[in-house]
Protein backbone atom coordinates (compact mmCIF):
# COMPACT_ATOMS: atom_id res chain seq x y z
CA MET A 1 -72.81 -33.01 -36.79
CA ASP A 2 -70.27 -30.77 -35.05
CA PRO A 3 -66.81 -30.07 -36.60
CA ALA A 4 -65.00 -32.30 -34.10
CA SER A 5 -67.19 -35.30 -34.95
CA ILE A 6 -66.76 -34.65 -38.68
CA THR A 7 -63.00 -34.50 -38.24
CA LEU A 8 -62.97 -37.76 -36.28
CA CYS A 9 -65.07 -39.46 -38.97
CA VAL A 10 -62.68 -38.31 -41.68
CA LEU A 11 -59.75 -39.41 -39.50
CA GLY A 12 -61.30 -42.86 -39.05
CA VAL A 13 -61.86 -43.34 -42.77
CA ALA A 14 -58.32 -42.16 -43.50
CA ALA A 15 -56.91 -44.59 -40.92
CA VAL A 16 -58.75 -47.53 -42.53
CA LEU A 17 -57.57 -46.56 -45.99
CA PHE A 18 -54.00 -46.11 -44.75
CA VAL A 19 -53.99 -49.60 -43.27
CA THR A 20 -55.69 -51.33 -46.20
CA GLU A 21 -54.14 -49.15 -48.94
CA LEU A 22 -57.26 -49.61 -51.05
CA VAL A 23 -56.26 -46.31 -52.62
CA PRO A 24 -52.76 -44.78 -52.81
CA LEU A 25 -51.49 -43.20 -49.59
CA ALA A 26 -51.05 -39.75 -51.10
CA VAL A 27 -54.59 -39.84 -52.49
CA THR A 28 -55.94 -40.77 -49.05
CA ALA A 29 -54.07 -37.92 -47.37
CA MET A 30 -55.06 -35.26 -49.88
CA GLY A 31 -58.59 -36.67 -50.01
CA ALA A 32 -58.91 -36.26 -46.25
CA ALA A 33 -57.83 -32.62 -46.41
CA ILE A 34 -60.15 -31.86 -49.34
CA SER A 35 -63.05 -33.62 -47.60
CA LEU A 36 -62.61 -31.41 -44.55
CA GLY A 37 -62.70 -28.42 -46.87
CA LEU A 38 -65.88 -29.56 -48.62
CA LEU A 39 -67.51 -30.25 -45.25
CA GLY A 40 -66.71 -26.74 -44.03
CA VAL A 41 -64.21 -27.68 -41.34
CA LEU A 42 -61.26 -26.08 -43.15
CA THR A 43 -61.06 -23.07 -45.44
CA PRO A 44 -59.71 -23.54 -49.02
CA GLN A 45 -56.46 -21.89 -47.92
CA GLU A 46 -56.11 -24.30 -44.99
CA VAL A 47 -56.82 -27.35 -47.19
CA PHE A 48 -53.76 -26.71 -49.35
CA SER A 49 -51.58 -25.03 -46.73
CA GLY A 50 -49.48 -28.19 -46.44
CA LEU A 51 -48.09 -27.74 -49.95
CA SER A 52 -46.39 -24.50 -48.89
CA ASN A 53 -45.29 -25.76 -45.50
CA SER A 54 -41.59 -25.15 -44.84
CA THR A 55 -41.01 -28.75 -43.78
CA VAL A 56 -42.35 -30.02 -47.12
CA VAL A 57 -39.94 -27.69 -48.92
CA LEU A 58 -37.07 -28.92 -46.72
CA PHE A 59 -37.77 -32.55 -47.47
CA ALA A 60 -38.13 -31.95 -51.22
CA GLY A 61 -34.72 -30.28 -51.30
CA MET A 62 -33.04 -33.11 -49.41
CA PHE A 63 -34.64 -35.69 -51.71
CA VAL A 64 -32.75 -34.06 -54.59
CA VAL A 65 -29.47 -34.04 -52.64
CA GLY A 66 -29.98 -37.70 -51.78
CA SER A 67 -30.65 -38.50 -55.42
CA ALA A 68 -27.41 -36.77 -56.39
CA MET A 69 -25.49 -38.97 -53.93
CA PHE A 70 -26.61 -42.05 -55.80
CA HIS A 71 -26.42 -40.71 -59.37
CA THR A 72 -22.84 -39.49 -58.87
CA GLY A 73 -21.83 -42.80 -57.28
CA LEU A 74 -20.88 -41.15 -53.97
CA ALA A 75 -23.08 -43.43 -51.88
CA GLN A 76 -21.96 -46.53 -53.79
CA THR A 77 -18.29 -45.65 -53.44
CA ILE A 78 -18.59 -45.08 -49.70
CA GLY A 79 -20.51 -48.30 -49.20
CA ILE A 80 -18.22 -50.48 -51.31
CA SER A 81 -15.00 -49.13 -49.75
CA VAL A 82 -16.25 -49.74 -46.20
CA VAL A 83 -17.58 -53.21 -46.97
CA LYS A 84 -14.39 -54.23 -48.80
CA LYS A 85 -12.17 -53.11 -45.92
CA SER A 86 -14.23 -55.13 -43.48
CA GLY A 87 -13.37 -58.40 -45.20
CA THR A 88 -15.76 -61.30 -45.74
CA GLY A 89 -16.15 -62.50 -42.15
CA GLU A 90 -19.87 -62.57 -41.33
CA LYS A 91 -19.71 -60.49 -38.16
CA ARG A 92 -17.19 -57.95 -39.45
CA LEU A 93 -19.09 -57.58 -42.70
CA MET A 94 -22.37 -57.11 -40.86
CA ALA A 95 -20.90 -54.51 -38.50
CA ALA A 96 -19.34 -52.52 -41.35
CA LEU A 97 -22.46 -52.79 -43.46
CA MET A 98 -24.73 -51.58 -40.65
CA PHE A 99 -22.39 -48.72 -39.79
CA ILE A 100 -22.26 -47.28 -43.30
CA THR A 101 -26.00 -47.83 -43.78
CA ILE A 102 -26.79 -45.96 -40.56
CA VAL A 103 -24.55 -43.05 -41.60
CA ILE A 104 -25.99 -42.75 -45.12
CA SER A 105 -29.58 -43.23 -43.94
CA SER A 106 -29.14 -40.40 -41.47
CA PHE A 107 -28.81 -37.89 -44.29
CA SER A 108 -30.51 -39.56 -47.23
CA SER A 109 -33.42 -41.82 -48.15
CA ASN A 110 -33.17 -45.12 -46.28
CA THR A 111 -35.01 -46.77 -49.17
CA ALA A 112 -32.44 -45.52 -51.69
CA THR A 113 -29.62 -46.58 -49.36
CA VAL A 114 -30.87 -50.16 -49.22
CA ALA A 115 -31.55 -50.22 -52.97
CA CYS A 116 -27.97 -49.09 -53.58
CA LEU A 117 -26.16 -51.38 -51.14
CA MET A 118 -28.26 -54.51 -51.62
CA PRO A 119 -26.64 -55.66 -54.92
CA VAL A 120 -23.21 -55.01 -53.43
CA VAL A 121 -24.00 -57.19 -50.42
CA ILE A 122 -25.46 -59.96 -52.56
CA GLN A 123 -22.35 -60.16 -54.73
CA ILE A 124 -20.01 -60.19 -51.73
CA CYS A 125 -22.03 -62.93 -50.01
CA ALA A 126 -22.03 -64.97 -53.22
CA ALA A 127 -18.28 -64.67 -53.62
CA ALA A 128 -17.55 -65.45 -49.95
CA ARG A 129 -20.13 -68.26 -49.77
CA ILE A 130 -21.82 -66.82 -46.68
CA PRO A 131 -25.57 -66.50 -45.98
CA VAL A 132 -27.09 -63.44 -47.60
CA SER A 133 -30.27 -63.37 -45.51
CA THR A 134 -28.58 -62.32 -42.27
CA GLN A 135 -26.73 -59.49 -44.02
CA LEU A 136 -29.84 -58.22 -45.79
CA MET A 137 -31.92 -58.29 -42.60
CA ALA A 138 -29.15 -56.31 -40.89
CA LEU A 139 -29.19 -53.89 -43.82
CA ALA A 140 -32.92 -53.26 -43.42
CA VAL A 141 -32.66 -52.83 -39.64
CA ALA A 142 -29.75 -50.39 -39.99
CA ALA A 143 -31.65 -48.33 -42.55
CA ASN A 144 -34.64 -48.06 -40.22
CA VAL A 145 -32.71 -47.09 -37.08
CA GLY A 146 -30.29 -44.88 -39.02
CA GLY A 147 -33.16 -42.67 -40.10
CA SER A 148 -33.83 -41.78 -36.47
CA VAL A 149 -30.51 -39.97 -35.99
CA THR A 150 -31.32 -36.65 -37.69
CA MET A 151 -34.39 -34.58 -38.46
CA ILE A 152 -34.23 -35.42 -42.17
CA GLY A 153 -33.37 -39.10 -41.69
CA THR A 154 -36.98 -40.24 -41.94
CA PRO A 155 -40.32 -38.48 -42.59
CA PRO A 156 -41.75 -39.06 -39.06
CA ASN A 157 -38.89 -37.06 -37.52
CA ILE A 158 -39.51 -33.95 -39.54
CA LEU A 159 -43.23 -34.38 -39.05
CA MET A 160 -42.76 -34.39 -35.27
CA SER A 161 -40.97 -31.05 -35.49
CA ALA A 162 -43.71 -29.70 -37.75
CA ALA A 163 -46.39 -30.85 -35.29
CA LEU A 164 -44.67 -29.01 -32.43
CA GLU A 165 -44.25 -25.86 -34.51
CA SER A 166 -47.90 -25.91 -35.61
CA SER A 167 -48.89 -26.05 -31.93
CA GLY A 168 -46.84 -22.96 -31.14
CA LEU A 169 -43.98 -24.91 -29.54
CA GLN A 170 -40.26 -24.84 -30.27
CA PRO A 171 -39.50 -27.59 -32.84
CA PHE A 172 -36.73 -30.14 -32.40
CA GLY A 173 -33.26 -29.21 -33.63
CA PHE A 174 -31.56 -30.89 -36.59
CA PHE A 175 -29.34 -33.19 -34.51
CA GLU A 176 -31.56 -33.31 -31.43
CA PHE A 177 -32.89 -36.70 -32.52
CA ALA A 178 -29.37 -38.09 -32.21
CA TRP A 179 -29.72 -38.21 -28.39
CA ILE A 180 -32.00 -41.21 -28.85
CA GLY A 181 -31.16 -42.13 -32.46
CA ILE A 182 -27.53 -43.00 -31.77
CA PRO A 183 -28.23 -45.22 -28.71
CA LEU A 184 -31.03 -46.90 -30.67
CA SER A 185 -28.68 -47.50 -33.59
CA ILE A 186 -26.02 -48.97 -31.30
CA ALA A 187 -28.63 -51.24 -29.73
CA GLY A 188 -29.75 -52.33 -33.20
CA VAL A 189 -26.21 -53.22 -34.26
CA ILE A 190 -25.48 -55.16 -31.07
CA TYR A 191 -28.81 -56.97 -31.34
CA MET A 192 -28.21 -58.08 -34.95
CA LEU A 193 -24.64 -59.17 -34.21
CA THR A 194 -25.89 -61.40 -31.38
CA ILE A 195 -29.54 -62.41 -31.02
CA GLY A 196 -30.86 -61.17 -34.36
CA SER A 197 -28.42 -63.09 -36.56
CA LYS A 198 -29.26 -66.31 -34.69
CA LEU A 199 -33.01 -65.83 -35.18
CA CYS A 200 -32.59 -64.99 -38.85
CA PRO A 201 -32.73 -67.79 -41.48
CA ARG A 202 -29.43 -68.64 -43.18
CA ASN A 203 -30.39 -68.52 -46.84
CA MET A 204 -27.63 -68.54 -49.43
CA VAL A 205 -27.36 -66.46 -52.60
CA GLU A 206 -28.92 -67.95 -55.71
CA VAL A 207 -27.16 -65.79 -58.29
CA GLU A 208 -23.92 -66.09 -60.22
CA VAL A 209 -20.95 -64.12 -58.95
CA ASP A 210 -20.20 -60.97 -60.91
CA ASP A 211 -16.62 -59.73 -60.80
CA SER A 212 -17.81 -56.15 -61.19
CA ILE A 213 -19.63 -54.92 -58.10
CA VAL A 214 -20.34 -51.52 -59.58
CA GLY A 215 -22.19 -51.70 -62.86
CA GLU A 216 -21.17 -48.27 -64.16
CA ALA A 217 -18.19 -45.95 -64.04
CA HIS A 218 -18.75 -42.76 -62.03
CA ASP A 219 -17.33 -39.27 -62.46
CA LYS A 220 -14.94 -38.65 -59.54
CA LYS A 221 -15.15 -34.88 -60.00
CA LYS A 222 -18.92 -34.93 -59.59
CA MET A 223 -18.61 -37.21 -56.56
CA ILE A 224 -16.30 -34.69 -54.88
CA ILE A 225 -18.65 -31.81 -55.73
CA CYS A 226 -21.61 -33.77 -54.35
CA ALA A 227 -19.69 -34.53 -51.15
CA ILE A 228 -18.90 -30.83 -50.71
CA ILE A 229 -22.55 -29.88 -51.27
CA LEU A 230 -23.71 -32.52 -48.78
CA LEU A 231 -21.23 -31.35 -46.15
CA GLY A 232 -22.21 -27.75 -46.78
CA VAL A 233 -25.94 -28.30 -46.34
CA ILE A 234 -25.39 -30.36 -43.18
CA LEU A 235 -23.26 -27.60 -41.64
CA ALA A 236 -25.78 -24.97 -42.73
CA MET A 237 -28.59 -26.88 -41.01
CA VAL A 238 -26.58 -27.46 -37.85
CA PHE A 239 -25.70 -23.76 -37.56
CA SER A 240 -28.93 -22.42 -39.11
CA LYS A 241 -29.72 -20.24 -36.08
CA THR A 242 -26.21 -18.80 -36.01
CA ILE A 243 -26.00 -17.93 -39.71
CA HIS A 244 -29.71 -17.02 -39.89
CA VAL A 245 -30.39 -19.28 -42.86
CA PRO A 246 -33.55 -21.41 -42.45
CA MET A 247 -33.00 -25.12 -43.00
CA GLN A 248 -35.49 -25.28 -45.87
CA VAL A 249 -33.60 -22.50 -47.66
CA ALA A 250 -30.31 -24.37 -47.19
CA ALA A 251 -31.89 -27.54 -48.58
CA ILE A 252 -33.23 -25.80 -51.70
CA ILE A 253 -29.88 -24.07 -52.30
CA ALA A 254 -28.15 -27.45 -52.05
CA ALA A 255 -30.66 -29.01 -54.44
CA LEU A 256 -30.14 -26.22 -56.96
CA ALA A 257 -26.36 -26.57 -56.59
CA CYS A 258 -26.62 -30.28 -57.39
CA VAL A 259 -28.45 -29.49 -60.63
CA VAL A 260 -26.28 -26.52 -61.64
CA THR A 261 -23.03 -28.47 -61.10
CA GLY A 262 -24.31 -31.48 -63.04
CA CYS A 263 -24.37 -33.87 -60.09
CA VAL A 264 -27.93 -34.63 -61.10
CA THR A 265 -29.96 -33.63 -64.15
CA GLU A 266 -33.19 -31.67 -63.89
CA LYS A 267 -35.15 -34.80 -64.81
CA GLN A 268 -33.29 -36.92 -62.25
CA ALA A 269 -33.92 -34.25 -59.62
CA TYR A 270 -37.67 -34.42 -60.21
CA GLN A 271 -37.57 -38.22 -60.24
CA GLY A 272 -35.55 -38.25 -57.02
CA ILE A 273 -38.30 -36.49 -55.08
CA ASP A 274 -40.60 -38.94 -53.30
CA TRP A 275 -43.86 -37.31 -54.33
CA VAL A 276 -45.90 -39.80 -52.31
CA THR A 277 -44.22 -38.53 -49.15
CA ILE A 278 -44.61 -34.90 -50.25
CA PHE A 279 -48.35 -35.18 -50.83
CA LEU A 280 -48.79 -37.40 -47.78
CA PHE A 281 -47.27 -34.59 -45.73
CA ALA A 282 -49.29 -31.95 -47.53
CA GLY A 283 -52.53 -33.82 -46.84
CA MET A 284 -51.90 -34.89 -43.25
CA LEU A 285 -50.77 -31.50 -41.95
CA PRO A 286 -54.20 -29.85 -42.57
CA LEU A 287 -55.85 -32.87 -40.93
CA ALA A 288 -53.64 -32.44 -37.89
CA SER A 289 -54.53 -28.75 -37.89
CA ALA A 290 -58.25 -29.60 -38.04
CA MET A 291 -57.91 -31.92 -35.07
CA ASP A 292 -56.45 -29.08 -33.06
CA LYS A 293 -58.83 -26.43 -34.40
CA THR A 294 -62.03 -28.43 -33.79
CA GLY A 295 -60.99 -30.00 -30.49
CA ALA A 296 -61.03 -33.51 -31.97
CA GLY A 297 -57.48 -34.11 -30.75
CA LYS A 298 -58.44 -33.02 -27.24
CA LEU A 299 -61.46 -35.32 -27.36
CA ILE A 300 -59.26 -38.32 -28.17
CA ALA A 301 -56.75 -37.21 -25.57
CA ASP A 302 -59.42 -36.98 -22.91
CA THR A 303 -60.62 -40.47 -23.80
CA VAL A 304 -57.12 -41.94 -23.56
CA VAL A 305 -56.37 -40.09 -20.31
CA GLY A 306 -59.68 -41.28 -18.91
CA PHE A 307 -58.81 -44.86 -19.84
CA ILE A 308 -55.37 -44.86 -18.22
CA GLY A 309 -56.42 -42.57 -15.35
CA ASP A 310 -56.02 -38.89 -14.57
CA SER A 311 -53.00 -39.58 -12.38
CA ALA A 312 -51.22 -41.68 -15.00
CA SER A 313 -47.46 -41.53 -14.88
CA PRO A 314 -45.84 -39.70 -17.79
CA TYR A 315 -43.71 -42.83 -18.22
CA LEU A 316 -46.91 -44.83 -18.76
CA ILE A 317 -48.08 -42.35 -21.39
CA VAL A 318 -44.73 -42.45 -23.21
CA THR A 319 -44.82 -46.25 -23.14
CA ALA A 320 -48.43 -46.35 -24.34
CA MET A 321 -47.80 -43.94 -27.22
CA PHE A 322 -44.65 -45.81 -28.23
CA ILE A 323 -46.55 -49.11 -28.37
CA LEU A 324 -49.45 -47.51 -30.28
CA SER A 325 -47.18 -45.79 -32.82
CA CYS A 326 -44.96 -48.84 -33.25
CA GLY A 327 -47.98 -51.11 -33.57
CA LEU A 328 -49.62 -48.99 -36.26
CA THR A 329 -46.44 -48.57 -38.27
CA GLN A 330 -46.03 -52.34 -38.74
CA PHE A 331 -49.05 -52.34 -41.05
CA MET A 332 -49.30 -48.80 -42.40
CA SER A 333 -47.04 -45.96 -43.49
CA ASN A 334 -44.85 -44.83 -40.60
CA THR A 335 -45.34 -41.26 -41.78
CA ALA A 336 -49.11 -41.66 -41.70
CA ALA A 337 -49.00 -43.31 -38.27
CA ALA A 338 -46.86 -40.51 -36.86
CA ALA A 339 -49.08 -37.86 -38.45
CA LEU A 340 -52.18 -39.40 -36.91
CA LEU A 341 -50.69 -39.65 -33.42
CA ALA A 342 -48.66 -36.43 -33.15
CA PRO A 343 -51.53 -34.03 -32.35
CA ILE A 344 -53.06 -36.65 -30.05
CA GLY A 345 -49.78 -36.99 -28.15
CA ILE A 346 -49.49 -33.23 -27.70
CA SER A 347 -53.07 -33.01 -26.38
CA ILE A 348 -52.55 -35.91 -23.96
CA ALA A 349 -49.35 -34.41 -22.57
CA GLN A 350 -50.95 -31.02 -22.11
CA GLY A 351 -53.99 -32.68 -20.56
CA ILE A 352 -51.96 -34.04 -17.65
CA GLY A 353 -49.72 -31.00 -17.39
CA ALA A 354 -46.62 -32.75 -18.79
CA SER A 355 -44.15 -31.61 -21.45
CA PRO A 356 -45.17 -32.81 -24.92
CA TYR A 357 -41.56 -33.24 -26.05
CA PRO A 358 -40.88 -36.73 -24.61
CA VAL A 359 -44.29 -37.95 -25.82
CA ILE A 360 -43.77 -36.60 -29.35
CA MET A 361 -40.24 -37.98 -29.48
CA ALA A 362 -41.50 -41.42 -28.43
CA ILE A 363 -44.13 -41.36 -31.20
CA GLY A 364 -41.60 -40.35 -33.85
CA ILE A 365 -38.93 -42.85 -32.83
CA ALA A 366 -41.47 -45.67 -32.47
CA ALA A 367 -42.57 -45.03 -36.06
CA SER A 368 -39.01 -45.91 -37.14
CA CYS A 369 -39.06 -49.19 -35.19
CA ALA A 370 -40.79 -50.94 -38.10
CA PHE A 371 -39.11 -54.32 -37.84
CA THR A 372 -41.80 -57.00 -37.55
CA THR A 373 -43.46 -57.18 -40.98
CA PRO A 374 -42.20 -57.00 -44.58
CA VAL A 375 -44.67 -54.19 -45.36
CA ALA A 376 -43.78 -52.03 -42.38
CA THR A 377 -41.26 -49.96 -44.31
CA PRO A 378 -39.80 -49.94 -47.87
CA PRO A 379 -36.35 -51.26 -46.78
CA ASN A 380 -38.08 -54.33 -45.30
CA THR A 381 -39.92 -54.93 -48.55
CA LEU A 382 -36.79 -54.46 -50.68
CA VAL A 383 -34.87 -57.31 -49.01
CA LEU A 384 -37.85 -59.71 -48.93
CA ASN A 385 -37.24 -61.60 -52.17
CA ALA A 386 -33.45 -61.28 -52.27
CA GLY A 387 -33.19 -62.74 -48.77
CA ARG A 388 -35.91 -65.34 -49.46
CA PHE A 389 -37.64 -64.32 -46.26
CA LYS A 390 -41.03 -65.44 -45.03
CA PHE A 391 -43.45 -63.21 -43.13
CA MET A 392 -42.67 -64.95 -39.84
CA ASP A 393 -38.94 -64.31 -40.27
CA TYR A 394 -39.61 -60.63 -39.74
CA VAL A 395 -41.78 -61.39 -36.72
CA LYS A 396 -39.10 -63.60 -35.14
CA VAL A 397 -36.26 -61.14 -35.69
CA GLY A 398 -38.22 -57.93 -35.27
CA THR A 399 -40.32 -58.53 -32.16
CA PRO A 400 -37.43 -58.81 -29.66
CA LEU A 401 -35.83 -55.77 -31.30
CA VAL A 402 -39.02 -53.76 -30.77
CA VAL A 403 -38.88 -54.69 -27.06
CA VAL A 404 -35.22 -53.63 -26.90
CA SER A 405 -36.09 -50.34 -28.63
CA LEU A 406 -38.91 -49.68 -26.17
CA ILE A 407 -36.58 -50.20 -23.21
CA VAL A 408 -33.95 -47.89 -24.72
CA CYS A 409 -36.51 -45.17 -25.47
CA VAL A 410 -38.29 -45.26 -22.11
CA GLY A 411 -34.90 -45.18 -20.39
CA ILE A 412 -33.30 -42.35 -22.39
CA ILE A 413 -36.06 -40.07 -23.68
CA PRO A 414 -37.18 -38.74 -20.23
CA LEU A 415 -33.56 -38.01 -19.35
CA VAL A 416 -33.03 -35.81 -22.39
CA TRP A 417 -36.53 -34.32 -22.54
CA PRO A 418 -37.86 -34.19 -18.94
CA PHE A 419 -41.56 -34.38 -18.25
């Protein structure tokens, strides 16, 4: 069997395991890379090259910074102050809640953001006697779209940049995702304030009201230090080319600063790193490299191009890749879905002589549009029990939002990144 066929077989098995999760995601990813090494497709150095990839280092550093935001109480304080100022009116509360969630999720873990704000929202809804389900669904939606604003907002974004770089192309900039992320976030807020809230069930809180929204007292000095570190690393990443400091270096410096200043302990720093994501990245990057090296990606690309026609419009390809990425991410890890499709998207674009940037951007953004199932993304799962949602609630609320997201992406992406 030739290397391309071997790679496709490994890819197929990995895809099935990602969807079914018969084994942990990280094990599947690393297993795929190791299998390609044992089968002679990749060298031992290539198998483990993902562990030293600069994007993996960048994400690990930002996981620590994000953890510090929550351990110092910075994220809680920001969230509570915004929500309190908004009052207890349903629409005003939802708008304020989604705004602060989008902002925090842009620079930190969207899962941690939801986990932090969810108890605050529940207590406010209980005290004001308003439905908690609509607010929690809005919280999950905001966390998902908020991650699309910056490179570090969600794993698929940084993976898209890594895929471009591994193909010898210029990666996306730190805030380049904001061109589509901000319009998508605005659309998400408007949708939830109008159509989404009407489609969402109106379940009330079934807990007793607690007068104390924050369960522990936080050190204000450490919160200020953490805020300064966060601002510093953001500015360093934005002006990385000007100051000649790579983003991954800035992230690690920020992580070390958080530990040295006591914003987070060494143990909390290690615990704050999402090791599943780290090893998922480390495993999928060699697989993506193998697809390019063996021609497996080109083979898939040729098949797709042949199916839609050699003269297919780039708009059709962007639409098709968005639907494919969005469809996969409803039932499997959005990082895994993006990793599987990124090299395919690049090959398809190059196959028809189009720029790969709009195609790759569509794949990455679509992976964040995980609205229609409770297992599509961790924020969706977190609000499931608290909001007393049923599976079909996600389908009812999420499906129209996916359509809205598709329209926004197809309309804006080609304008910013021409074919």
